[in-house]
Amino acid sequence: MPNRLPTPLTDKPVADVTVVGLGPMGLALAGALLERGHSTTVWNRTAARADGLVARGARSAPTVAEAVAASPVTVVCLKDYETLYEVLGPASDALAGRVLVNLDSGTPGEARAAARWAAERGLDYLDGAIMVPPPLVGDPGSVFLYSGAREVFDAHRPVLAALGDPRHLGTDPGLAVLYNTALLDLMYAAMNGFLHATALVGSTGVPAAEFADLALGWFVPSVVGATLAEQAPALDAGHYPGDIGTMEMNLNALDHITRTSVEQGVHAGQPRFMKSVVEEAIARGHGGKNYLAVHEVFKRAAAPSAP
């Protein structure tokens, strides 16, 4: 057993934890647990991946069944849900009565199926999503999202807090991965917007760093971010008054962005797509409403799947 280090989270004895999967993120998870004084058992299909952790006090289990049996809580960080079943399937006899914290990537439906799979094997289950890169794991401000039974989350919060700032989103096991996907959707859309905008001004030689000072220093936080935060309740209410700007006006702006992109020799696919969405909103009768009515197009594009 490694020497247990004092933990800033609690004066109570720290729990034993197992980590299955030692890619870059799994290594960071196990390292953070060790640093917080948790007796940590690890397992990876390529056992040599554990050597650095063993040197720091971790125990490397020879089989996944022994790894799971070593601790009341197992944190899994694998490629996807199919890999979870493949890896933990042979350890079914060791799973009953333990807690599985699954930090794999996938879809809400896959998360719900994994929760059912765990319940069939007598496991308490939390699905989770890591919202930071490996170097930030263990930082108290690093957000980790979890969904599943609240009592399981509360009972094992000290373990989860060793990894970062744990946020419980609800009892539906699919919520964590759904939030994660939605936030990544926002990230890619925002990054693509910034990259396309820098390409536009860059077409006349404006440095990206110079544009970023105005775009990110003022425009995004003070205009875009502030507007969206203020108007978020309107999305829930479906209230999109067009008194200070209509969808028709926004179509005109997007047409200008598209034609300017073509004129400047910049890829125009992104503004063309945005323009097509606005055209669809107008065709659905939202022409006199403000731009936020695009929300109705996005959320009604397809019927939601059942939980």
Protein backbone atom coordinates (compact mmCIF):
# COMPACT_ATOMS: atom_id res chain seq x y z
CA MET A 1 0.00 0.00 0.00
CA PRO A 2 1.33 3.49 -0.77
CA ASN A 3 1.74 6.03 2.00
CA ARG A 4 -1.38 8.16 2.19
CA LEU A 5 -0.83 11.85 1.82
CA PRO A 6 -2.84 14.47 3.67
CA THR A 7 -5.79 15.64 1.62
CA PRO A 8 -7.15 19.20 1.69
CA LEU A 9 -10.67 17.93 1.03
CA THR A 10 -11.45 16.13 4.29
CA ASP A 11 -9.93 14.87 7.54
CA LYS A 12 -11.68 11.52 7.10
CA PRO A 13 -9.74 8.51 5.74
CA VAL A 14 -9.60 8.65 1.98
CA ALA A 15 -11.15 5.89 -0.11
CA ASP A 16 -9.45 3.24 -2.18
CA VAL A 17 -10.04 3.80 -5.91
CA THR A 18 -9.36 1.80 -9.06
CA VAL A 19 -8.69 3.40 -12.44
CA VAL A 20 -9.21 1.30 -15.57
CA GLY A 21 -7.72 2.70 -18.78
CA LEU A 22 -4.42 4.55 -18.82
CA GLY A 23 -4.43 6.72 -21.89
CA PRO A 24 -3.35 10.33 -21.33
CA MET A 25 -6.56 11.13 -19.47
CA GLY A 26 -6.55 7.94 -17.41
CA LEU A 27 -2.97 8.63 -16.33
CA ALA A 28 -4.00 12.11 -15.25
CA LEU A 29 -6.98 10.76 -13.29
CA ALA A 30 -4.89 8.19 -11.44
CA GLY A 31 -2.18 10.76 -10.78
CA ALA A 32 -4.67 13.20 -9.26
CA LEU A 33 -6.06 10.48 -6.99
CA LEU A 34 -2.57 9.57 -5.81
CA GLU A 35 -1.76 13.19 -5.10
CA ARG A 36 -4.86 13.46 -2.92
CA GLY A 37 -3.81 10.44 -0.89
CA HIS A 38 -6.13 7.81 -2.36
CA SER A 39 -4.82 4.25 -2.39
CA THR A 40 -5.00 3.72 -6.15
CA THR A 41 -5.08 0.49 -8.12
CA VAL A 42 -4.71 0.70 -11.89
CA TRP A 43 -5.16 -1.60 -14.86
CA ASN A 44 -4.44 -1.18 -18.54
CA ARG A 45 -4.26 -3.65 -21.40
CA THR A 46 -0.67 -2.53 -21.96
CA ALA A 47 0.62 -2.98 -18.43
CA ALA A 48 3.76 -0.90 -18.98
CA ARG A 49 1.59 2.22 -19.14
CA ALA A 50 1.27 1.94 -15.36
CA ASP A 51 5.02 2.02 -14.61
CA GLY A 52 5.16 5.74 -13.81
CA LEU A 53 2.15 5.49 -11.53
CA VAL A 54 3.57 2.46 -9.74
CA ALA A 55 6.74 4.44 -9.08
CA ARG A 56 4.53 7.06 -7.40
CA GLY A 57 2.76 4.52 -5.18
CA ALA A 58 -0.02 2.99 -7.27
CA ARG A 59 -0.64 -0.75 -7.47
CA SER A 60 -0.87 -2.31 -10.93
CA ALA A 61 -3.35 -5.20 -10.94
CA PRO A 62 -2.54 -8.17 -13.21
CA THR A 63 -6.17 -8.56 -14.31
CA VAL A 64 -9.13 -6.22 -14.63
CA ALA A 65 -11.12 -8.41 -12.22
CA GLU A 66 -8.45 -7.98 -9.54
CA ALA A 67 -8.35 -4.25 -10.22
CA VAL A 68 -12.11 -3.88 -9.71
CA ALA A 69 -12.06 -6.10 -6.62
CA ALA A 70 -9.38 -3.94 -5.01
CA SER A 71 -11.58 -0.88 -4.47
CA PRO A 72 -15.19 0.07 -3.75
CA VAL A 73 -15.06 2.62 -6.59
CA THR A 74 -13.78 2.03 -10.13
CA VAL A 75 -13.22 4.96 -12.47
CA VAL A 76 -13.22 3.88 -16.12
CA CYS A 77 -11.66 6.01 -18.86
CA LEU A 78 -11.74 4.07 -22.11
CA LYS A 79 -12.40 4.83 -25.78
CA ASP A 80 -16.16 4.26 -25.80
CA TYR A 81 -19.01 2.25 -24.30
CA GLU A 82 -18.35 -0.82 -26.43
CA THR A 83 -14.82 -0.92 -25.04
CA LEU A 84 -16.29 -0.68 -21.53
CA TYR A 85 -18.29 -3.87 -22.10
CA GLU A 86 -15.33 -5.60 -23.74
CA VAL A 87 -12.96 -4.76 -20.87
CA LEU A 88 -15.26 -5.22 -17.87
CA GLY A 89 -17.26 -8.16 -19.22
CA PRO A 90 -14.72 -10.74 -17.98
CA ALA A 91 -14.84 -9.11 -14.51
CA SER A 92 -18.59 -9.55 -13.99
CA ASP A 93 -18.16 -11.62 -10.83
CA ALA A 94 -16.13 -8.82 -9.21
CA LEU A 95 -18.56 -6.01 -10.05
CA ALA A 96 -21.53 -6.62 -7.74
CA GLY A 97 -21.88 -4.19 -4.85
CA ARG A 98 -19.35 -1.72 -6.20
CA VAL A 99 -19.54 1.71 -7.83
CA LEU A 100 -18.67 2.34 -11.47
CA VAL A 101 -17.86 5.90 -12.55
CA ASN A 102 -17.77 5.81 -16.34
CA LEU A 103 -15.91 8.62 -18.11
CA ASP A 104 -16.07 7.19 -21.64
CA SER A 105 -17.30 9.15 -24.67
CA GLY A 106 -20.50 8.45 -26.56
CA THR A 107 -24.16 9.38 -26.81
CA PRO A 108 -26.93 9.79 -24.21
CA GLY A 109 -28.56 6.58 -25.42
CA GLU A 110 -25.31 4.69 -24.94
CA ALA A 111 -24.97 6.13 -21.42
CA ARG A 112 -28.48 4.98 -20.49
CA ALA A 113 -27.74 1.51 -21.89
CA ALA A 114 -24.55 1.38 -19.83
CA ALA A 115 -26.51 2.27 -16.69
CA ARG A 116 -28.88 -0.64 -17.39
CA TRP A 117 -25.90 -2.93 -18.03
CA ALA A 118 -24.39 -1.89 -14.68
CA ALA A 119 -27.67 -2.39 -12.81
CA GLU A 120 -27.97 -5.93 -14.20
CA ARG A 121 -24.60 -6.68 -12.60
CA GLY A 122 -25.39 -5.15 -9.23
CA LEU A 123 -23.31 -2.02 -9.79
CA ASP A 124 -24.11 1.51 -8.70
CA TYR A 125 -23.43 3.71 -11.72
CA LEU A 126 -22.50 7.29 -12.52
CA ASP A 127 -21.90 8.48 -16.05
CA GLY A 128 -19.53 11.39 -16.41
CA ALA A 129 -17.80 13.79 -18.75
CA ILE A 130 -14.44 15.49 -18.32
CA MET A 131 -14.49 19.11 -19.42
CA VAL A 132 -10.74 19.84 -19.23
CA PRO A 133 -7.55 18.50 -20.86
CA PRO A 134 -5.31 16.09 -18.91
CA PRO A 135 -2.94 18.74 -17.46
CA LEU A 136 -5.87 20.38 -15.63
CA VAL A 137 -7.19 17.20 -13.99
CA GLY A 138 -6.97 17.60 -10.22
CA ASP A 139 -7.32 21.37 -10.29
CA PRO A 140 -10.20 22.36 -7.94
CA GLY A 141 -11.66 24.59 -10.65
CA SER A 142 -11.73 21.91 -13.37
CA VAL A 143 -15.33 20.93 -14.09
CA PHE A 144 -16.42 17.29 -14.28
CA LEU A 145 -20.05 16.54 -15.16
CA TYR A 146 -21.94 13.59 -13.65
CA SER A 147 -25.40 12.10 -13.99
CA GLY A 148 -27.09 9.19 -12.27
CA ALA A 149 -28.38 8.48 -8.78
CA ARG A 150 -27.88 11.50 -6.52
CA GLU A 151 -27.21 9.33 -3.48
CA VAL A 152 -24.33 7.61 -5.27
CA PHE A 153 -22.88 10.97 -6.28
CA ASP A 154 -23.18 12.35 -2.74
CA ALA A 155 -21.69 9.24 -1.13
CA HIS A 156 -18.59 9.36 -3.31
CA ARG A 157 -18.19 13.09 -3.74
CA PRO A 158 -14.77 13.17 -1.95
CA VAL A 159 -13.37 10.81 -4.59
CA LEU A 160 -14.90 12.84 -7.42
CA ALA A 161 -13.63 16.09 -5.89
CA ALA A 162 -10.08 14.76 -6.01
CA LEU A 163 -10.36 15.01 -9.80
CA GLY A 164 -11.83 18.52 -9.99
CA ASP A 165 -15.11 20.33 -9.45
CA PRO A 166 -17.90 17.69 -9.63
CA ARG A 167 -21.29 18.88 -10.95
CA HIS A 168 -24.34 16.62 -10.64
CA LEU A 169 -26.78 17.31 -13.49
CA GLY A 170 -29.63 14.95 -12.67
CA THR A 171 -30.67 11.33 -12.31
CA ASP A 172 -30.96 10.62 -16.06
CA PRO A 173 -27.65 8.83 -16.82
CA GLY A 174 -27.59 10.42 -20.30
CA LEU A 175 -27.37 14.02 -19.08
CA ALA A 176 -23.61 14.24 -18.55
CA VAL A 177 -22.71 13.12 -22.06
CA LEU A 178 -25.55 15.25 -23.48
CA TYR A 179 -24.21 18.38 -21.74
CA ASN A 180 -20.71 17.47 -22.88
CA THR A 181 -21.83 17.13 -26.49
CA ALA A 182 -23.78 20.40 -26.34
CA LEU A 183 -20.80 22.28 -24.90
CA LEU A 184 -18.49 20.82 -27.55
CA ASP A 185 -21.04 21.84 -30.18
CA LEU A 186 -20.86 25.37 -28.81
CA MET A 187 -17.07 25.26 -28.73
CA TYR A 188 -16.69 24.16 -32.34
CA ALA A 189 -19.28 26.66 -33.57
CA ALA A 190 -17.57 29.48 -31.66
CA MET A 191 -14.10 28.44 -32.83
CA ASN A 192 -15.25 28.14 -36.43
CA GLY A 193 -16.89 31.56 -36.21
CA PHE A 194 -13.67 33.12 -34.92
CA LEU A 195 -11.48 31.27 -37.45
CA HIS A 196 -13.72 32.30 -40.34
CA ALA A 197 -13.78 35.90 -39.11
CA THR A 198 -9.97 36.00 -38.85
CA ALA A 199 -9.78 34.61 -42.39
CA LEU A 200 -12.04 37.42 -43.59
CA VAL A 201 -9.97 40.24 -42.06
CA GLY A 202 -6.79 38.32 -42.84
CA SER A 203 -7.68 38.47 -46.54
CA THR A 204 -6.50 42.11 -46.44
CA GLY A 205 -3.49 41.43 -44.23
CA VAL A 206 -4.96 42.12 -40.78
CA PRO A 207 -3.09 39.93 -38.23
CA ALA A 208 -5.25 37.51 -36.26
CA ALA A 209 -3.74 38.81 -33.01
CA GLU A 210 -4.82 42.35 -33.84
CA PHE A 211 -8.36 41.25 -34.70
CA ALA A 212 -8.55 39.07 -31.57
CA ASP A 213 -8.02 42.07 -29.33
CA LEU A 214 -11.29 43.60 -30.56
CA ALA A 215 -13.21 40.37 -31.23
CA LEU A 216 -12.37 38.47 -28.05
CA GLY A 217 -11.48 41.36 -25.80
CA TRP A 218 -14.73 43.22 -26.37
CA PHE A 219 -17.19 41.88 -28.95
CA VAL A 220 -17.67 38.27 -27.82
CA PRO A 221 -17.96 38.87 -24.05
CA SER A 222 -19.69 42.26 -24.11
CA VAL A 223 -22.04 41.84 -27.08
CA VAL A 224 -22.48 38.14 -27.94
CA GLY A 225 -22.08 36.60 -24.48
CA ALA A 226 -24.04 39.28 -22.67
CA THR A 227 -26.87 39.18 -25.21
CA LEU A 228 -27.21 35.41 -25.10
CA ALA A 229 -27.17 35.31 -21.29
CA GLU A 230 -29.85 37.99 -21.15
CA GLN A 231 -32.01 36.32 -23.78
CA ALA A 232 -31.71 32.69 -22.61
CA PRO A 233 -35.07 32.87 -20.73
CA ALA A 234 -36.71 33.94 -24.01
CA LEU A 235 -35.59 30.64 -25.56
CA ASP A 236 -37.40 28.71 -22.84
CA ALA A 237 -40.49 30.88 -23.31
CA GLY A 238 -40.40 30.79 -27.12
CA HIS A 239 -40.65 34.59 -27.15
CA TYR A 240 -38.85 36.25 -30.07
CA PRO A 241 -40.17 39.79 -30.61
CA GLY A 242 -38.81 41.45 -33.73
CA ASP A 243 -39.17 45.04 -32.59
CA ILE A 244 -35.43 45.82 -32.81
CA GLY A 245 -34.48 43.39 -35.56
CA THR A 246 -36.21 40.72 -37.63
CA MET A 247 -35.19 37.45 -39.23
CA GLU A 248 -35.55 39.13 -42.62
CA MET A 249 -32.94 41.72 -41.56
CA ASN A 250 -30.59 38.95 -40.42
CA LEU A 251 -30.99 37.19 -43.76
CA ASN A 252 -29.74 40.36 -45.39
CA ALA A 253 -26.70 40.44 -43.08
CA LEU A 254 -25.88 36.80 -43.79
CA ASP A 255 -26.17 37.43 -47.50
CA HIS A 256 -23.59 40.21 -47.11
CA ILE A 257 -21.26 37.90 -45.15
CA THR A 258 -21.59 35.22 -47.82
CA ARG A 259 -20.93 37.59 -50.71
CA THR A 260 -18.02 39.24 -48.89
CA SER A 261 -16.46 35.83 -48.29
CA VAL A 262 -16.67 35.02 -51.99
CA GLU A 263 -15.35 38.44 -52.92
CA GLN A 264 -12.36 38.09 -50.59
CA GLY A 265 -11.57 34.55 -51.69
CA VAL A 266 -12.51 33.05 -48.30
CA HIS A 267 -14.37 29.74 -47.90
CA ALA A 268 -18.08 30.61 -47.93
CA GLY A 269 -19.59 27.30 -46.79
CA GLN A 270 -20.15 28.40 -43.21
CA PRO A 271 -22.08 31.62 -43.91
CA ARG A 272 -24.01 29.83 -46.67
CA PHE A 273 -25.12 27.24 -44.13
CA MET A 274 -26.18 29.92 -41.63
CA LYS A 275 -28.06 31.70 -44.38
CA SER A 276 -29.87 28.49 -45.31
CA VAL A 277 -30.99 28.01 -41.70
CA VAL A 278 -32.39 31.54 -41.60
CA GLU A 279 -34.18 30.93 -44.91
CA GLU A 280 -35.75 27.83 -43.35
CA ALA A 281 -36.82 29.86 -40.30
CA ILE A 282 -38.49 32.41 -42.56
CA ALA A 283 -40.19 29.64 -44.53
CA ARG A 284 -41.59 28.34 -41.22
CA GLY A 285 -43.18 31.71 -40.51
CA HIS A 286 -40.53 33.37 -38.32
CA GLY A 287 -39.60 36.18 -40.72
CA GLY A 288 -40.94 38.94 -38.46
CA LYS A 289 -39.29 37.58 -35.30
CA ASN A 290 -35.74 38.17 -34.08
CA TYR A 291 -32.78 35.93 -34.85
CA LEU A 292 -33.25 33.80 -31.74
CA ALA A 293 -36.27 32.20 -33.44
CA VAL A 294 -33.68 30.07 -35.25
CA HIS A 295 -33.87 28.08 -32.02
CA GLU A 296 -37.25 26.77 -33.20
CA VAL A 297 -35.64 25.40 -36.37
CA PHE A 298 -32.90 23.62 -34.44
CA LYS A 299 -35.07 22.09 -31.75
CA ARG A 300 -37.84 20.92 -34.10
CA ALA A 301 -35.64 19.45 -36.81
CA ALA A 302 -36.36 15.95 -35.51
CA ALA A 303 -38.42 14.36 -32.74
CA PRO A 304 -36.28 13.77 -29.63
CA SER A 305 -35.45 10.20 -28.72
CA ALA A 306 -37.14 8.74 -25.66
CA PRO A 307 -35.04 8.55 -22.45
